[in-house]
Amino acid sequence: MRHGQSAAYVPGVRFALIDGQGDPPLSALGMEQARLVCARLAAEGVDAIYATTMQRTAQTAAPLAERLGLEIQVAPDLREVHLGVWEGGEFRKNVAENHPISQRMLAEERWDVIPGAESAQALAARVRGAITQLATYHPGQRVAAFTHGGIVGQALALASGSRPFAFLGAENASISRLVITPERWIVRGYNDAAHLDGVG
């Protein structure tokens, strides 16, 4: 799951950083999205819940953990793509303003055109390792991992062999599904947000 909507960026006021990355909380709408996605997941036989070190994912996962009586475990390597000098909210501002570097980033499908940002190779290795680890910890089980849009996109690109940014743009609090087997990763769904109809 991608986390719910996070707090809006205020120009000139950077988000607090955790391990060098922006860490905004959920907005009021994001809290409602979290409630709705977790209500839907509660009936799906979830065996374990993971979130990243960033508060927006833990806040999104909290209603499900409370309802199922499960502890939210931490998967630090599912944290969002590191955006280099555009951390703290600058990424949102620069993409909204169609900054030339953001145009190049989308055209080349590479985060690291942003100075100091994570390379495609490093990101792919990190996401592959994190998901493989979860599958190893939970064989035959259903895991709910609350993560970020860039990570959802990377995971589905790895599973499908697609272009790097083919699955970029998952909506807040949407559900994407992967089946992990020893032989291959299988995409079972992407950007399912039916539970959010009429919200926002």
Protein backbone atom coordinates (compact mmCIF):
# COMPACT_ATOMS: atom_id res chain seq x y z
CA MET A 1 0.00 0.00 0.00
CA ARG A 2 1.08 3.53 -0.67
CA HIS A 3 0.62 5.75 2.40
CA GLY A 4 -2.26 8.20 2.66
CA GLN A 5 -1.96 11.81 1.58
CA SER A 6 0.72 13.62 3.55
CA ALA A 7 0.74 17.21 4.76
CA ALA A 8 1.08 19.91 2.13
CA TYR A 9 4.45 21.49 1.46
CA VAL A 10 4.68 25.15 2.43
CA PRO A 11 7.22 26.94 0.21
CA GLY A 12 10.30 27.84 2.21
CA VAL A 13 9.41 25.55 5.12
CA ARG A 14 11.19 22.20 4.75
CA PHE A 15 9.71 19.04 6.20
CA ALA A 16 11.56 17.56 9.17
CA LEU A 17 14.09 14.98 8.00
CA ILE A 18 14.65 11.43 9.19
CA ASP A 19 17.86 9.81 7.96
CA GLY A 20 18.15 12.65 5.47
CA GLN A 21 14.66 12.23 4.00
CA GLY A 22 11.52 14.34 4.34
CA ASP A 23 9.13 13.01 6.99
CA PRO A 24 5.77 14.81 6.80
CA PRO A 25 2.79 13.44 8.73
CA LEU A 26 -0.52 12.50 7.13
CA SER A 27 -3.00 15.24 6.35
CA ALA A 28 -6.61 15.04 7.60
CA LEU A 29 -7.57 13.51 4.25
CA GLY A 30 -4.67 11.07 4.57
CA MET A 31 -5.99 9.89 7.94
CA GLU A 32 -9.39 9.20 6.37
CA GLN A 33 -7.75 7.35 3.49
CA ALA A 34 -5.83 5.26 6.02
CA ARG A 35 -9.05 4.33 7.79
CA LEU A 36 -10.67 3.27 4.51
CA VAL A 37 -7.80 1.20 3.14
CA CYS A 38 -7.36 -0.55 6.47
CA ALA A 39 -11.09 -1.32 6.73
CA ARG A 40 -10.84 -3.01 3.36
CA LEU A 41 -7.69 -4.96 4.26
CA ALA A 42 -9.04 -6.14 7.60
CA ALA A 43 -11.09 -8.89 5.94
CA GLU A 44 -8.30 -10.12 3.67
CA GLY A 45 -6.42 -12.40 6.05
CA VAL A 46 -3.35 -10.27 6.74
CA ASP A 47 -0.69 -12.14 8.71
CA ALA A 48 1.86 -9.36 9.24
CA ILE A 49 2.03 -5.58 8.90
CA TYR A 50 5.09 -3.56 7.95
CA ALA A 51 5.74 0.16 7.61
CA THR A 52 8.85 2.17 6.93
CA THR A 53 10.74 4.45 9.32
CA MET A 54 8.68 7.40 8.02
CA GLN A 55 5.66 8.48 10.05
CA ARG A 56 3.23 8.69 7.13
CA THR A 57 3.46 4.94 6.54
CA ALA A 58 3.12 4.04 10.23
CA GLN A 59 0.12 6.37 10.53
CA THR A 60 -1.49 4.73 7.50
CA ALA A 61 -0.91 1.24 8.91
CA ALA A 62 -2.12 2.06 12.43
CA PRO A 63 -5.88 1.42 11.96
CA LEU A 64 -5.18 -2.05 10.54
CA ALA A 65 -2.78 -2.94 13.33
CA GLU A 66 -5.30 -1.83 15.94
CA ARG A 67 -8.16 -3.74 14.32
CA LEU A 68 -6.20 -6.98 13.88
CA GLY A 69 -4.19 -6.78 17.09
CA LEU A 70 -0.91 -7.01 15.17
CA GLU A 71 2.31 -5.11 15.81
CA ILE A 72 3.58 -2.82 13.07
CA GLN A 73 7.04 -4.10 12.17
CA VAL A 74 9.60 -1.86 10.49
CA ALA A 75 11.02 -2.45 7.01
CA PRO A 76 13.57 0.37 6.71
CA ASP A 77 14.63 -0.57 3.18
CA LEU A 78 11.10 0.10 1.88
CA ARG A 79 11.53 3.80 2.68
CA GLU A 80 10.98 6.27 -0.17
CA VAL A 81 13.51 7.00 -2.90
CA HIS A 82 16.22 9.35 -1.60
CA LEU A 83 15.82 12.61 -3.52
CA GLY A 84 19.16 14.25 -2.75
CA VAL A 85 19.06 18.05 -2.67
CA TRP A 86 15.32 17.95 -3.37
CA GLU A 87 14.44 16.38 -0.01
CA GLY A 88 12.30 18.13 2.59
CA GLY A 89 9.53 19.08 0.14
CA GLU A 90 11.61 20.61 -2.65
CA PHE A 91 10.74 17.67 -4.94
CA ARG A 92 7.02 18.50 -4.82
CA LYS A 93 7.68 22.16 -5.53
CA ASN A 94 10.05 21.52 -8.42
CA VAL A 95 7.85 18.91 -10.10
CA ALA A 96 4.80 21.19 -9.77
CA GLU A 97 6.79 24.02 -11.38
CA ASN A 98 8.02 21.73 -14.20
CA HIS A 99 11.65 22.33 -13.30
CA PRO A 100 14.02 21.34 -16.15
CA ILE A 101 15.61 18.64 -13.99
CA SER A 102 12.18 17.13 -13.25
CA GLN A 103 11.49 17.07 -17.01
CA ARG A 104 14.77 15.26 -17.57
CA MET A 105 14.07 12.87 -14.67
CA LEU A 106 10.76 11.81 -16.24
CA ALA A 107 12.17 11.61 -19.76
CA GLU A 108 15.15 9.47 -18.72
CA GLU A 109 13.22 7.59 -15.99
CA ARG A 110 16.06 8.14 -13.50
CA TRP A 111 15.90 9.64 -10.03
CA ASP A 112 19.61 10.40 -9.93
CA VAL A 113 19.42 13.26 -12.40
CA ILE A 114 18.50 15.13 -9.21
CA PRO A 115 21.83 16.02 -7.55
CA GLY A 116 22.59 13.57 -4.78
CA ALA A 117 19.55 11.36 -5.45
CA GLU A 118 19.54 7.58 -5.29
CA SER A 119 20.70 5.70 -8.38
CA ALA A 120 18.47 3.26 -10.23
CA GLN A 121 20.84 0.41 -9.42
CA ALA A 122 20.93 1.17 -5.70
CA LEU A 123 17.16 1.57 -5.51
CA ALA A 124 16.46 -1.67 -7.38
CA ALA A 125 18.87 -3.62 -5.16
CA ARG A 126 17.39 -2.13 -1.99
CA VAL A 127 13.78 -2.89 -2.95
CA ARG A 128 14.56 -6.37 -4.24
CA GLY A 129 16.40 -7.19 -1.02
CA ALA A 130 13.64 -5.83 1.23
CA ILE A 131 10.82 -7.70 -0.50
CA THR A 132 12.82 -10.92 -0.69
CA GLN A 133 13.46 -10.63 3.04
CA LEU A 134 9.76 -10.20 3.83
CA ALA A 135 8.90 -13.22 1.68
CA THR A 136 11.56 -15.26 3.50
CA TYR A 137 10.18 -14.21 6.90
CA HIS A 138 6.56 -15.00 5.92
CA PRO A 139 6.40 -18.01 3.59
CA GLY A 140 2.85 -18.71 2.44
CA GLN A 141 1.50 -15.70 4.31
CA ARG A 142 -0.12 -12.42 3.31
CA VAL A 143 1.91 -9.36 4.28
CA ALA A 144 0.58 -5.79 4.26
CA ALA A 145 3.53 -3.47 3.57
CA PHE A 146 2.80 0.25 3.86
CA THR A 147 5.35 2.09 1.76
CA HIS A 148 5.79 4.92 -0.77
CA GLY A 149 4.92 5.71 -4.37
CA GLY A 150 8.47 5.40 -5.67
CA ILE A 151 8.87 2.03 -3.97
CA VAL A 152 5.56 0.68 -5.29
CA GLY A 153 6.70 1.70 -8.78
CA GLN A 154 10.09 0.08 -8.37
CA ALA A 155 8.70 -3.17 -6.96
CA LEU A 156 6.23 -3.59 -9.82
CA ALA A 157 8.88 -2.68 -12.39
CA LEU A 158 11.12 -5.42 -10.96
CA ALA A 159 8.27 -7.94 -11.03
CA SER A 160 7.15 -7.14 -14.57
CA GLY A 161 10.45 -6.27 -16.24
CA SER A 162 8.92 -2.94 -17.31
CA ARG A 163 10.48 0.47 -17.84
CA PRO A 164 11.69 1.98 -14.53
CA PHE A 165 8.83 4.50 -14.23
CA ALA A 166 6.04 2.44 -15.87
CA PHE A 167 4.25 2.00 -12.52
CA LEU A 168 5.02 5.44 -11.08
CA GLY A 169 1.95 7.32 -9.88
CA ALA A 170 0.13 4.95 -7.51
CA GLU A 171 -2.56 6.93 -5.70
CA ASN A 172 -2.38 7.62 -1.99
CA ALA A 173 -3.74 4.67 0.04
CA SER A 174 -4.02 2.47 -3.05
CA ILE A 175 -3.36 -1.26 -2.99
CA SER A 176 -0.93 -3.05 -5.31
CA ARG A 177 -0.45 -6.81 -5.09
CA LEU A 178 2.60 -8.98 -5.65
CA VAL A 179 2.93 -12.73 -5.31
CA ILE A 180 6.50 -13.72 -4.44
CA THR A 181 7.62 -17.24 -5.31
CA PRO A 182 11.13 -18.73 -5.34
CA GLU A 183 11.08 -18.63 -9.15
CA ARG A 184 9.52 -15.26 -9.90
CA TRP A 185 7.56 -12.23 -8.73
CA ILE A 186 4.04 -11.94 -10.15
CA VAL A 187 2.02 -8.72 -10.44
CA ARG A 188 -1.57 -9.38 -9.33
CA GLY A 189 -2.78 -5.79 -9.09
CA TYR A 190 -1.77 -2.15 -9.27
CA ASN A 191 -3.24 1.07 -7.89
CA ASP A 192 -6.53 -0.39 -6.63
CA ALA A 193 -8.28 2.51 -4.94
CA ALA A 194 -11.93 1.39 -5.13
CA HIS A 195 -12.22 1.84 -1.36
CA LEU A 196 -11.57 5.58 -1.81
CA ASP A 197 -14.46 6.28 -4.19
CA GLY A 198 -16.07 9.59 -3.23
CA VAL A 199 -13.28 10.59 -0.82
CA GLY A 200 -11.19 13.70 -1.41
